[in-house]
Amino acid sequence: MSATADHAEERTNPAGRLGFEPGQVVQEIGYDDDVDQDLREGIESLIGQDLVDEDYDDVADVVVLWFRDEDGDLTDALVDAIGLLEDAGTIWLLSPKTGRDGYIEPSDIQDAAQTAGLSPAKSVSVGKDWSGTRLKSGKR
């Protein structure tokens, strides 16, 4: 694919700039009525298959964790997600944007990630109501 085509994909597919690749197994945790359906469909388009759900019984390359402030303890959720990953896998923590119901302070995300042994990257907008933070597992 050309660089121009790559950039067009990023503009039309909200998942295009998140680094998903064809053939990856992406496990989705925390699905509810409020998730961004365009983002979900974009991820499935990029990986060439459906997202697997919480009942998937093998390891995943990437975990997409939809998490809201009222969903419980973020550190616990991240530790659980790490156990679902292939070695050196990635977690995309998706949380509501500022001013939306369920918003989580960036400092709380940073603290939970570090406590869980993850390396957080800068948050990016992944939809109208959601921000995404890429978290790398220290597992090797």
Protein backbone atom coordinates (compact mmCIF):
# COMPACT_ATOMS: atom_id res chain seq x y z
CA MET A 1 0.00 0.00 0.00
CA SER A 2 1.32 3.46 -0.80
CA ALA A 3 1.96 6.14 1.81
CA THR A 4 -0.95 8.10 0.35
CA ALA A 5 -3.26 5.10 0.72
CA ASP A 6 -2.04 4.61 4.31
CA HIS A 7 -2.93 8.20 5.16
CA ALA A 8 -6.34 7.86 3.51
CA GLU A 9 -7.01 4.73 5.58
CA GLU A 10 -6.09 6.63 8.77
CA ARG A 11 -8.59 9.38 7.94
CA THR A 12 -11.47 7.08 7.04
CA ASN A 13 -10.86 4.28 9.56
CA PRO A 14 -10.58 5.47 13.18
CA ALA A 15 -8.52 2.37 14.01
CA GLY A 16 -6.01 3.05 11.22
CA ARG A 17 -3.48 4.89 13.35
CA LEU A 18 -3.59 2.49 16.30
CA GLY A 19 -1.23 -0.08 14.82
CA PHE A 20 -3.56 -3.03 14.30
CA GLU A 21 -2.32 -5.53 11.71
CA PRO A 22 -3.96 -8.22 9.57
CA GLY A 23 -4.21 -11.57 11.33
CA GLN A 24 -3.90 -10.25 14.88
CA VAL A 25 -6.14 -11.75 17.52
CA VAL A 26 -7.79 -8.82 19.31
CA GLN A 27 -9.72 -9.55 22.48
CA GLU A 28 -12.33 -7.03 23.56
CA ILE A 29 -13.12 -6.54 27.26
CA GLY A 30 -15.73 -4.20 28.74
CA TYR A 31 -18.08 -4.05 25.75
CA ASP A 32 -21.32 -2.16 26.48
CA ASP A 33 -23.93 -0.08 24.64
CA ASP A 34 -21.74 3.04 24.81
CA VAL A 35 -18.71 1.74 22.90
CA ASP A 36 -17.69 3.30 19.58
CA GLN A 37 -19.07 0.95 16.93
CA ASP A 38 -17.12 2.66 14.12
CA LEU A 39 -13.87 1.99 15.96
CA ARG A 40 -14.81 -1.66 16.56
CA GLU A 41 -15.68 -2.14 12.89
CA GLY A 42 -12.47 -0.38 11.87
CA ILE A 43 -10.37 -2.73 13.99
CA GLU A 44 -12.15 -5.76 12.52
CA SER A 45 -11.55 -4.39 9.02
CA LEU A 46 -7.82 -3.99 9.70
CA ILE A 47 -7.29 -7.39 11.35
CA GLY A 48 -9.50 -9.19 8.82
CA GLN A 49 -11.62 -10.99 11.42
CA ASP A 50 -14.06 -10.41 14.28
CA LEU A 51 -12.89 -9.27 17.69
CA VAL A 52 -12.92 -12.10 20.22
CA ASP A 53 -14.87 -11.60 23.43
CA GLU A 54 -14.18 -12.10 27.12
CA ASP A 55 -14.82 -15.85 26.83
CA TYR A 56 -11.94 -16.43 24.38
CA ASP A 57 -9.72 -19.13 25.89
CA ASP A 58 -6.36 -18.52 24.22
CA VAL A 59 -3.89 -15.63 24.28
CA ALA A 60 -4.44 -12.49 22.22
CA ASP A 61 -2.00 -10.20 20.43
CA VAL A 62 -3.90 -7.13 21.59
CA VAL A 63 -6.52 -6.52 24.28
CA VAL A 64 -8.97 -3.67 23.76
CA LEU A 65 -10.21 -2.70 27.22
CA TRP A 66 -13.22 -0.35 27.33
CA PHE A 67 -13.11 1.08 30.86
CA ARG A 68 -15.20 3.68 32.64
CA ASP A 69 -14.69 5.19 36.09
CA GLU A 70 -17.60 3.19 37.52
CA ASP A 71 -16.26 -0.14 36.17
CA GLY A 72 -14.29 -0.92 39.33
CA ASP A 73 -10.56 -0.98 39.99
CA LEU A 74 -8.53 -0.09 36.90
CA THR A 75 -5.34 -1.70 38.20
CA ASP A 76 -7.16 -5.02 38.71
CA ALA A 77 -8.67 -4.80 35.21
CA LEU A 78 -5.22 -4.16 33.71
CA VAL A 79 -3.62 -7.04 35.61
CA ASP A 80 -6.40 -9.33 34.36
CA ALA A 81 -5.85 -8.07 30.80
CA ILE A 82 -2.12 -8.79 30.97
CA GLY A 83 -2.93 -12.45 31.61
CA LEU A 84 -4.83 -12.58 28.31
CA LEU A 85 -1.89 -11.37 26.21
CA GLU A 86 0.70 -13.06 24.08
CA ASP A 87 4.25 -12.23 25.23
CA ALA A 88 5.02 -8.55 24.58
CA GLY A 89 1.39 -7.87 23.67
CA THR A 90 -0.39 -4.54 23.77
CA ILE A 91 -3.39 -3.30 25.70
CA TRP A 92 -5.42 -0.43 24.27
CA LEU A 93 -7.17 1.15 27.25
CA LEU A 94 -10.20 3.01 25.90
CA SER A 95 -11.80 5.45 28.31
CA PRO A 96 -14.38 8.25 27.99
CA LYS A 97 -13.08 11.67 27.02
CA THR A 98 -13.07 14.64 29.39
CA GLY A 99 -16.59 15.69 30.30
CA ARG A 100 -18.16 12.34 29.34
CA ASP A 101 -19.78 9.97 31.83
CA GLY A 102 -17.15 7.58 33.19
CA TYR A 103 -14.16 9.90 32.52
CA ILE A 104 -10.92 8.76 34.18
CA GLU A 105 -8.18 11.23 35.09
CA PRO A 106 -4.96 10.68 33.08
CA SER A 107 -2.98 10.54 36.34
CA ASP A 108 -5.20 7.66 37.52
CA ILE A 109 -4.55 5.80 34.25
CA GLN A 110 -0.80 6.41 34.63
CA ASP A 111 -0.79 5.18 38.24
CA ALA A 112 -2.86 2.07 37.48
CA ALA A 113 -0.72 1.19 34.46
CA GLN A 114 2.54 1.53 36.35
CA THR A 115 1.19 -0.46 39.32
CA ALA A 116 0.16 -3.22 36.90
CA GLY A 117 3.66 -3.23 35.39
CA LEU A 118 2.69 -1.62 32.10
CA SER A 119 4.36 1.16 30.17
CA PRO A 120 1.79 3.78 29.13
CA ALA A 121 2.11 5.93 26.04
CA LYS A 122 0.39 9.23 25.31
CA SER A 123 -3.41 9.12 24.98
CA VAL A 124 -4.95 9.66 21.54
CA SER A 125 -8.47 10.40 20.40
CA VAL A 126 -10.08 7.24 19.03
CA GLY A 127 -13.60 8.51 18.48
CA LYS A 128 -16.13 11.17 19.35
CA ASP A 129 -16.43 10.07 22.98
CA TRP A 130 -13.37 7.89 23.61
CA SER A 131 -9.63 8.30 24.20
CA GLY A 132 -7.16 5.47 23.86
CA THR A 133 -3.94 4.83 25.79
CA ARG A 134 -1.53 2.23 24.46
CA LEU A 135 -0.04 0.12 27.22
CA LYS A 136 2.85 -2.27 26.59
CA SER A 137 3.29 -5.36 28.68
CA GLY A 138 6.64 -5.98 30.30
CA LYS A 139 6.16 -9.75 29.73
CA ARG A 140 8.84 -11.39 27.65
